[in-house]
Amino acid sequence: MRWLMRTISAFCLIGALICGGRWNARRGLPYNEEGRYLDLATAVVIHEQSVMIYAGFALLFTVLAAMALYAASKL
């Protein structure tokens, strides 16, 4: 059971790193007054609200990883 909690923690940390990387890449983009950024290379519109969503998911995954590690240490 301990190995399962550590595996869950590892996957949560990977998710936190991915979301944190996305947050870091998108937080500095030059958004217009409507809160949108057009990536001309891929023709994708990125909304400014997505920055907070990625930060929230990164925080959530980090907390879940910490909880799984704590549970693994108590087993």
N, C-alpha and C. Protein backbone atom coordinates (compact mmCIF):
# COMPACT_ATOMS: atom_id res chain seq x y z
N MET A 1 0.82 -1.20 0.00
CA MET A 1 0.00 0.00 0.00
C MET A 1 0.86 1.26 0.00
N ARG A 2 2.00 1.18 0.64
CA ARG A 2 2.90 2.33 0.68
C ARG A 2 3.39 2.70 -0.72
N TRP A 3 3.70 1.69 -1.52
CA TRP A 3 4.18 1.96 -2.88
C TRP A 3 3.10 2.61 -3.73
N LEU A 4 1.82 2.25 -3.47
CA LEU A 4 0.73 2.85 -4.22
C LEU A 4 0.61 4.35 -3.91
N MET A 5 0.73 4.71 -2.66
CA MET A 5 0.64 6.12 -2.27
C MET A 5 1.82 6.91 -2.83
N ARG A 6 2.98 6.31 -2.86
CA ARG A 6 4.14 6.99 -3.44
C ARG A 6 3.99 7.15 -4.95
N THR A 7 3.39 6.17 -5.60
CA THR A 7 3.15 6.27 -7.03
C THR A 7 2.13 7.37 -7.33
N ILE A 8 1.07 7.42 -6.54
CA ILE A 8 0.08 8.48 -6.69
C ILE A 8 0.73 9.84 -6.48
N SER A 9 1.59 9.93 -5.49
CA SER A 9 2.29 11.18 -5.22
C SER A 9 3.18 11.58 -6.39
N ALA A 10 3.86 10.61 -6.98
CA ALA A 10 4.73 10.91 -8.12
C ALA A 10 3.92 11.43 -9.31
N PHE A 11 2.77 10.80 -9.59
CA PHE A 11 1.93 11.27 -10.69
C PHE A 11 1.37 12.66 -10.41
N CYS A 12 1.02 12.93 -9.16
CA CYS A 12 0.52 14.26 -8.81
C CYS A 12 1.62 15.31 -8.97
N LEU A 13 2.84 14.96 -8.61
CA LEU A 13 3.94 15.90 -8.79
C LEU A 13 4.23 16.16 -10.26
N ILE A 14 4.11 15.13 -11.08
CA ILE A 14 4.28 15.32 -12.53
C ILE A 14 3.19 16.26 -13.06
N GLY A 15 1.96 16.06 -12.62
CA GLY A 15 0.87 16.96 -13.01
C GLY A 15 1.11 18.38 -12.56
N ALA A 16 1.65 18.54 -11.34
CA ALA A 16 1.95 19.88 -10.82
C ALA A 16 3.04 20.54 -11.65
N LEU A 17 4.04 19.78 -12.05
CA LEU A 17 5.11 20.34 -12.87
C LEU A 17 4.61 20.76 -14.25
N ILE A 18 3.74 19.96 -14.84
CA ILE A 18 3.19 20.31 -16.15
C ILE A 18 2.34 21.56 -16.06
N CYS A 19 1.44 21.60 -15.09
CA CYS A 19 0.57 22.78 -14.93
C CYS A 19 1.38 24.01 -14.54
N GLY A 20 2.39 23.83 -13.71
CA GLY A 20 3.24 24.96 -13.33
C GLY A 20 4.04 25.49 -14.50
N GLY A 21 4.49 24.60 -15.36
CA GLY A 21 5.20 25.04 -16.56
C GLY A 21 4.31 25.80 -17.51
N ARG A 22 3.07 25.32 -17.68
CA ARG A 22 2.11 26.03 -18.52
C ARG A 22 1.79 27.41 -17.93
N TRP A 23 1.62 27.46 -16.61
CA TRP A 23 1.34 28.73 -15.94
C TRP A 23 2.48 29.71 -16.17
N ASN A 24 3.70 29.24 -16.00
CA ASN A 24 4.86 30.11 -16.17
C ASN A 24 5.00 30.60 -17.61
N ALA A 25 4.68 29.75 -18.57
CA ALA A 25 4.80 30.14 -19.97
C ALA A 25 3.72 31.15 -20.38
N ARG A 26 2.54 31.05 -19.79
CA ARG A 26 1.43 31.89 -20.24
C ARG A 26 1.23 33.15 -19.41
N ARG A 27 1.84 33.25 -18.25
CA ARG A 27 1.57 34.42 -17.41
C ARG A 27 2.20 35.69 -17.95
N GLY A 28 3.23 35.59 -18.77
CA GLY A 28 3.91 36.77 -19.29
C GLY A 28 3.55 37.14 -20.71
N LEU A 29 2.54 36.50 -21.28
CA LEU A 29 2.16 36.81 -22.66
C LEU A 29 1.52 38.19 -22.75
N PRO A 30 1.71 38.87 -23.87
CA PRO A 30 1.12 40.22 -24.02
C PRO A 30 -0.37 40.13 -24.41
N TYR A 31 -1.24 40.07 -23.43
CA TYR A 31 -2.68 39.99 -23.68
C TYR A 31 -3.21 41.36 -24.10
N ASN A 32 -4.25 41.36 -24.92
CA ASN A 32 -4.86 42.63 -25.32
C ASN A 32 -5.85 43.09 -24.25
N GLU A 33 -6.56 44.18 -24.52
CA GLU A 33 -7.46 44.74 -23.51
C GLU A 33 -8.66 43.83 -23.23
N GLU A 34 -8.93 42.88 -24.12
CA GLU A 34 -10.02 41.93 -23.91
C GLU A 34 -9.55 40.67 -23.18
N GLY A 35 -8.27 40.61 -22.86
CA GLY A 35 -7.74 39.45 -22.15
C GLY A 35 -7.45 38.26 -23.04
N ARG A 36 -7.11 38.53 -24.28
CA ARG A 36 -6.83 37.46 -25.23
C ARG A 36 -5.45 37.65 -25.85
N TYR A 37 -4.85 36.51 -26.22
CA TYR A 37 -3.57 36.51 -26.92
C TYR A 37 -3.70 35.58 -28.10
N LEU A 38 -3.35 36.05 -29.29
CA LEU A 38 -3.41 35.23 -30.50
C LEU A 38 -2.02 34.75 -30.82
N ASP A 39 -1.85 33.44 -30.81
CA ASP A 39 -0.59 32.83 -31.21
C ASP A 39 -0.64 32.64 -32.72
N LEU A 40 0.11 33.44 -33.45
CA LEU A 40 0.05 33.41 -34.91
C LEU A 40 0.63 32.13 -35.50
N ALA A 41 1.54 31.49 -34.79
CA ALA A 41 2.15 30.27 -35.32
C ALA A 41 1.14 29.13 -35.38
N THR A 42 0.26 29.04 -34.39
CA THR A 42 -0.71 27.95 -34.35
C THR A 42 -2.15 28.42 -34.53
N ALA A 43 -2.36 29.73 -34.64
CA ALA A 43 -3.69 30.33 -34.79
C ALA A 43 -4.61 29.95 -33.63
N VAL A 44 -4.06 29.94 -32.43
CA VAL A 44 -4.83 29.61 -31.23
C VAL A 44 -4.97 30.87 -30.38
N VAL A 45 -6.18 31.10 -29.89
CA VAL A 45 -6.43 32.22 -28.99
C VAL A 45 -6.33 31.71 -27.56
N ILE A 46 -5.49 32.36 -26.77
CA ILE A 46 -5.29 32.00 -25.37
C ILE A 46 -5.93 33.08 -24.51
N HIS A 47 -6.76 32.67 -23.57
CA HIS A 47 -7.44 33.62 -22.69
C HIS A 47 -6.64 33.83 -21.41
N GLU A 48 -6.71 35.02 -20.88
CA GLU A 48 -5.96 35.38 -19.68
C GLU A 48 -6.46 34.60 -18.45
N GLN A 49 -7.71 34.18 -18.43
CA GLN A 49 -8.24 33.44 -17.30
C GLN A 49 -7.60 32.06 -17.17
N SER A 50 -7.06 31.54 -18.25
CA SER A 50 -6.43 30.22 -18.18
C SER A 50 -5.19 30.22 -17.29
N VAL A 51 -4.59 31.38 -17.10
CA VAL A 51 -3.40 31.47 -16.25
C VAL A 51 -3.75 31.08 -14.82
N MET A 52 -4.87 31.58 -14.31
CA MET A 52 -5.28 31.25 -12.95
C MET A 52 -5.71 29.80 -12.82
N ILE A 53 -6.30 29.25 -13.87
CA ILE A 53 -6.71 27.85 -13.84
C ILE A 53 -5.49 26.94 -13.74
N TYR A 54 -4.46 27.22 -14.53
CA TYR A 54 -3.24 26.42 -14.45
C TYR A 54 -2.56 26.54 -13.09
N ALA A 55 -2.58 27.74 -12.52
CA ALA A 55 -2.00 27.92 -11.18
C ALA A 55 -2.79 27.14 -10.15
N GLY A 56 -4.10 27.15 -10.27
CA GLY A 56 -4.94 26.39 -9.33
C GLY A 56 -4.72 24.90 -9.43
N PHE A 57 -4.62 24.38 -10.64
CA PHE A 57 -4.36 22.95 -10.80
C PHE A 57 -2.97 22.58 -10.28
N ALA A 58 -1.98 23.43 -10.51
CA ALA A 58 -0.64 23.15 -9.99
C ALA A 58 -0.66 23.09 -8.47
N LEU A 59 -1.36 24.01 -7.84
CA LEU A 59 -1.48 24.01 -6.38
C LEU A 59 -2.24 22.78 -5.90
N LEU A 60 -3.33 22.43 -6.57
CA LEU A 60 -4.11 21.26 -6.20
C LEU A 60 -3.28 19.98 -6.29
N PHE A 61 -2.55 19.80 -7.38
CA PHE A 61 -1.73 18.61 -7.53
C PHE A 61 -0.61 18.56 -6.49
N THR A 62 -0.06 19.71 -6.13
CA THR A 62 0.98 19.75 -5.11
C THR A 62 0.42 19.33 -3.75
N VAL A 63 -0.75 19.82 -3.41
CA VAL A 63 -1.38 19.45 -2.14
C VAL A 63 -1.73 17.97 -2.12
N LEU A 64 -2.25 17.45 -3.22
CA LEU A 64 -2.56 16.02 -3.29
C LEU A 64 -1.31 15.17 -3.16
N ALA A 65 -0.22 15.60 -3.76
CA ALA A 65 1.04 14.86 -3.64
C ALA A 65 1.53 14.86 -2.20
N ALA A 66 1.42 16.01 -1.54
CA ALA A 66 1.85 16.09 -0.14
C ALA A 66 0.98 15.20 0.74
N MET A 67 -0.32 15.17 0.48
CA MET A 67 -1.21 14.31 1.26
C MET A 67 -0.90 12.83 1.04
N ALA A 68 -0.60 12.46 -0.19
CA ALA A 68 -0.26 11.07 -0.48
C ALA A 68 1.05 10.67 0.17
N LEU A 69 2.03 11.57 0.16
CA LEU A 69 3.30 11.27 0.84
C LEU A 69 3.11 11.15 2.34
N TYR A 70 2.26 12.01 2.91
CA TYR A 70 1.98 11.94 4.34
C TYR A 70 1.29 10.62 4.68
N ALA A 71 0.32 10.22 3.85
CA ALA A 71 -0.38 8.95 4.08
C ALA A 71 0.58 7.77 3.94
N ALA A 72 1.51 7.85 3.01
CA ALA A 72 2.48 6.76 2.84
C ALA A 72 3.41 6.66 4.04
N SER A 73 3.73 7.78 4.65
CA SER A 73 4.62 7.73 5.81
C SER A 73 3.92 7.18 7.05
N LYS A 74 2.59 7.27 7.09
CA LYS A 74 1.84 6.77 8.24
C LYS A 74 1.49 5.29 8.12
N LEU A 75 1.67 4.71 6.95
CA LEU A 75 1.35 3.28 6.76
C LEU A 75 2.46 2.40 7.24
